[in-house]
C-alpha atoms as a PDB file:
ATOM      1  CA  MET A   1     -18.565-117.900  36.019  1.00  0.00           C
ATOM      2  CA  ASN A   2     -17.810-119.929  39.460  1.00  0.00           C
ATOM      3  CA  THR A   3     -14.101-118.125  40.515  1.00  0.00           C
ATOM      4  CA  CYS A   4     -13.490-119.724  43.933  1.00  0.00           C
ATOM      5  CA  ILE A   5     -11.210-122.833  44.130  1.00  0.00           C
ATOM      6  CA  SER A   6     -12.533-124.168  47.309  1.00  0.00           C
ATOM      7  CA  ASN A   7     -15.909-125.327  45.530  1.00  0.00           C
ATOM      8  CA  LYS A   8     -14.441-126.907  43.042  1.00  0.00           C
ATOM      9  CA  TYR A   9     -11.896-129.084  45.519  1.00  0.00           C
ATOM     10  CA  ALA A  10     -12.643-130.142  49.142  1.00  0.00           C
ATOM     11  CA  LEU A  11     -11.354-126.701  51.352  1.00  0.00           C
ATOM     12  CA  PRO A  12     -11.784-126.148  54.349  1.00  0.00           C
ATOM     13  CA  PHE A  13     -13.710-123.252  53.183  1.00  0.00           C
ATOM     14  CA  SER A  14     -16.510-122.561  50.470  1.00  0.00           C
ATOM     15  CA  CYS A  15     -17.243-119.360  48.588  1.00  0.00           C
ATOM     16  CA  LYS A  16     -20.470-117.493  47.512  1.00  0.00           C
ATOM     17  CA  LYS A  17     -21.014-114.940  45.270  1.00  0.00           C
ATOM     18  CA  GLU A  18     -23.488-112.085  46.283  1.00  0.00           C
ATOM     19  CA  ASN A  19     -24.317-108.660  44.805  1.00  0.00           C
ATOM     20  CA  GLY A  20     -20.877-109.032  42.853  1.00  0.00           C
ATOM     21  CA  VAL A  21     -18.872-109.474  46.135  1.00  0.00           C
ATOM     22  CA  ILE A  22     -17.363-112.696  47.164  1.00  0.00           C
ATOM     23  CA  ARG A  23     -17.792-114.153  50.402  1.00  0.00           C
ATOM     24  CA  VAL A  24     -15.270-116.656  51.744  1.00  0.00           C
ATOM     25  CA  THR A  25     -16.664-118.571  54.831  1.00  0.00           C
ATOM     26  CA  LYS A  26     -14.643-121.861  57.062  1.00  0.00           C
ATOM     27  CA  ARG A  27     -16.604-125.135  56.494  1.00  0.00           C
ATOM     28  CA  SER A  28     -17.538-126.677  59.803  1.00  0.00           C
ATOM     29  CA  ASN A  29     -15.353-129.713  60.480  1.00  0.00           C
ATOM     30  CA  LYS A  30     -18.108-131.586  61.674  1.00  0.00           C
ATOM     31  CA  LEU A  31     -18.446-134.579  58.894  1.00  0.00           C
ATOM     32  CA  PRO A  32     -21.987-136.332  58.404  1.00  0.00           C
ATOM     33  CA  SER A  33     -23.414-139.256  60.356  1.00  0.00           C
ATOM     34  CA  LEU A  34     -23.510-142.693  58.763  1.00  0.00           C
ATOM     35  CA  GLU A  35     -27.533-142.138  58.042  1.00  0.00           C
ATOM     36  CA  GLU A  36     -26.425-138.068  56.668  1.00  0.00           C
ATOM     37  CA  SER A  37     -23.935-139.432  54.501  1.00  0.00           C
ATOM     38  CA  LEU A  38     -25.800-142.304  53.356  1.00  0.00           C
ATOM     39  CA  THR A  39     -28.954-140.307  52.447  1.00  0.00           C
ATOM     40  CA  GLU A  40     -26.248-137.623  50.799  1.00  0.00           C
ATOM     41  CA  VAL A  41     -25.551-140.371  48.188  1.00  0.00           C
ATOM     42  CA  SER A  42     -28.657-141.135  47.610  1.00  0.00           C
ATOM     43  CA  GLN A  43     -29.633-137.676  47.171  1.00  0.00           C
ATOM     44  CA  LEU A  44     -26.260-137.216  44.945  1.00  0.00           C
ATOM     45  CA  ILE A  45     -27.035-140.589  42.975  1.00  0.00           C
ATOM     46  CA  ASP A  46     -30.719-139.191  41.876  1.00  0.00           C
ATOM     47  CA  LYS A  47     -29.433-136.281  40.759  1.00  0.00           C
ATOM     48  CA  MET A  48     -26.906-137.941  38.704  1.00  0.00           C
ATOM     49  CA  GLU A  49     -29.346-140.761  37.167  1.00  0.00           C
ATOM     50  CA  HIS A  50     -31.677-137.873  35.712  1.00  0.00           C
ATOM     51  CA  GLY A  51     -29.034-136.179  33.621  1.00  0.00           C
ATOM     52  CA  GLU A  52     -29.750-132.921  33.888  1.00  0.00           C
ATOM     53  CA  LEU A  53     -25.733-131.740  35.391  1.00  0.00           C
ATOM     54  CA  THR A  54     -23.561-130.800  33.410  1.00  0.00           C
ATOM     55  CA  LEU A  55     -20.422-132.921  33.353  1.00  0.00           C
ATOM     56  CA  GLU A  56     -18.292-130.840  35.599  1.00  0.00           C
ATOM     57  CA  GLN A  57     -21.357-130.974  38.224  1.00  0.00           C
ATOM     58  CA  SER A  58     -21.284-134.691  37.559  1.00  0.00           C
ATOM     59  CA  LEU A  59     -17.747-135.185  38.449  1.00  0.00           C
ATOM     60  CA  THR A  60     -18.282-132.578  41.303  1.00  0.00           C
ATOM     61  CA  HIS A  61     -21.487-134.928  42.133  1.00  0.00           C
ATOM     62  CA  PHE A  62     -19.166-138.340  41.939  1.00  0.00           C
ATOM     63  CA  GLU A  63     -16.195-137.455  43.600  1.00  0.00           C
ATOM     64  CA  ARG A  64     -18.323-136.037  46.449  1.00  0.00           C
ATOM     65  CA  GLY A  65     -20.178-139.483  46.644  1.00  0.00           C
ATOM     66  CA  ILE A  66     -16.812-141.077  46.524  1.00  0.00           C
ATOM     67  CA  ALA A  67     -15.702-139.230  49.460  1.00  0.00           C
ATOM     68  CA  LEU A  68     -18.897-140.248  51.348  1.00  0.00           C
ATOM     69  CA  VAL A  69     -18.446-143.581  50.592  1.00  0.00           C
ATOM     70  CA  LYS A  70     -15.121-143.916  52.109  1.00  0.00           C
ATOM     71  CA  HIS A  71     -16.043-142.253  55.069  1.00  0.00           C
ATOM     72  CA  CYS A  72     -18.985-144.423  55.550  1.00  0.00           C
ATOM     73  CA  GLN A  73     -16.625-147.339  55.451  1.00  0.00           C
ATOM     74  CA  LYS A  74     -14.627-145.415  57.831  1.00  0.00           C
ATOM     75  CA  ILE A  75     -17.789-145.634  60.132  1.00  0.00           C
ATOM     76  CA  LEU A  76     -18.355-149.285  59.312  1.00  0.00           C
ATOM     77  CA  THR A  77     -14.802-149.969  59.808  1.00  0.00           C
ATOM     78  CA  GLU A  78     -14.744-148.470  63.635  1.00  0.00           C
ATOM     79  CA  ALA A  79     -18.207-149.631  64.798  1.00  0.00           C
ATOM     80  CA  GLU A  80     -16.646-153.519  63.562  1.00  0.00           C
ATOM     81  CA  GLN A  81     -13.348-153.144  65.848  1.00  0.00           C
ATOM     82  CA  LYS A  82     -15.391-151.446  68.953  1.00  0.00           C
ATOM     83  CA  VAL A  83     -17.643-154.843  68.432  1.00  0.00           C
ATOM     84  CA  LYS A  84     -14.957-157.251  68.388  1.00  0.00           C
ATOM     85  CA  ILE A  85     -13.114-155.218  71.717  1.00  0.00           C
ATOM     86  CA  LEU A  86     -16.451-155.719  73.168  1.00  0.00           C
ATOM     87  CA  ILE A  87     -16.672-159.530  72.517  1.00  0.00           C
ATOM     88  CA  GLN A  88     -12.609-159.825  73.813  1.00  0.00           C
ATOM     89  CA  ASN A  89     -13.563-158.150  76.718  1.00  0.00           C
ATOM     90  CA  ASN A  90     -16.349-160.432  77.388  1.00  0.00           C
ATOM     91  CA  HIS A  91     -13.866-163.216  76.667  1.00  0.00           C
ATOM     92  CA  GLN A  92     -15.579-164.866  74.175  1.00  0.00           C
ATOM     93  CA  GLU A  93     -13.925-165.691  70.861  1.00  0.00           C
ATOM     94  CA  GLU A  94     -16.622-165.549  68.530  1.00  0.00           C
ATOM     95  CA  LEU A  95     -20.052-164.137  68.002  1.00  0.00           C
ATOM     96  CA  SER A  96     -23.087-166.503  69.263  1.00  0.00           C
ATOM     97  CA  VAL A  97     -25.843-167.152  66.477  1.00  0.00           C
ATOM     98  CA  TYR A  98     -28.467-165.224  67.358  1.00  0.00           C
ATOM     99  CA  GLU A  99     -32.030-167.674  67.194  1.00  0.00           C
ATOM    100  CA  GLU A 100     -35.365-166.094  67.129  1.00  0.00           C
ATOM    101  CA  ASN A 101     -36.698-169.048  69.590  1.00  0.00           C
ATOM    102  CA  GLN A 102     -33.777-168.036  72.060  1.00  0.00           C
ATOM    103  CA  ASN A 103     -36.236-166.417  74.198  1.00  0.00           C
ATOM    104  CA  GLU A 104     -39.232-169.086  73.958  1.00  0.00           C
ATOM    105  CA  SER A 105     -37.311-172.162  75.520  1.00  0.00           C
ATOM    106  CA  PRO A 106     -34.496-171.236  77.189  1.00  0.00           C
ATOM    107  CA  GLU A 107     -33.246-174.813  78.517  1.00  0.00           C
ATOM    108  CA  ARG A 108     -33.771-176.141  75.129  1.00  0.00           C
ATOM    109  CA  ASN A 109     -30.374-177.064  73.873  1.00  0.00           C
ATOM    110  CA  GLU A 110     -30.461-177.622  69.862  1.00  0.00           C
ATOM    111  CA  HIS A 111     -28.658-181.077  70.516  1.00  0.00           C
ATOM    112  CA  ASP A 112     -32.118-182.038  72.712  1.00  0.00           C
ATOM    113  CA  ASP A 113     -34.017-183.826  69.785  1.00  0.00           C
END
């Protein structure tokens, strides 16, 4: 049985039992990148879908997945805010619509038809 409460809850340390001795180590404060978070969420989903986990393991995976999704949402919100600031600093009110043929005929205007 695992006696370390940090493995069940998101605490800043983790426990590992080796040769009857419980070792406590500090967890890194570095949060995963967006890509790493999405990869981990995908792996958690795969593990949960196979149905080989206990209820407690499934709940722990679910809790981790929710935390990662919230982290991803925060990253994306911050990126959106940066884009908005860059647009405002460029004196544009809105993003321009990207069209693939913009580079082919720069003089052509959509009203020239």
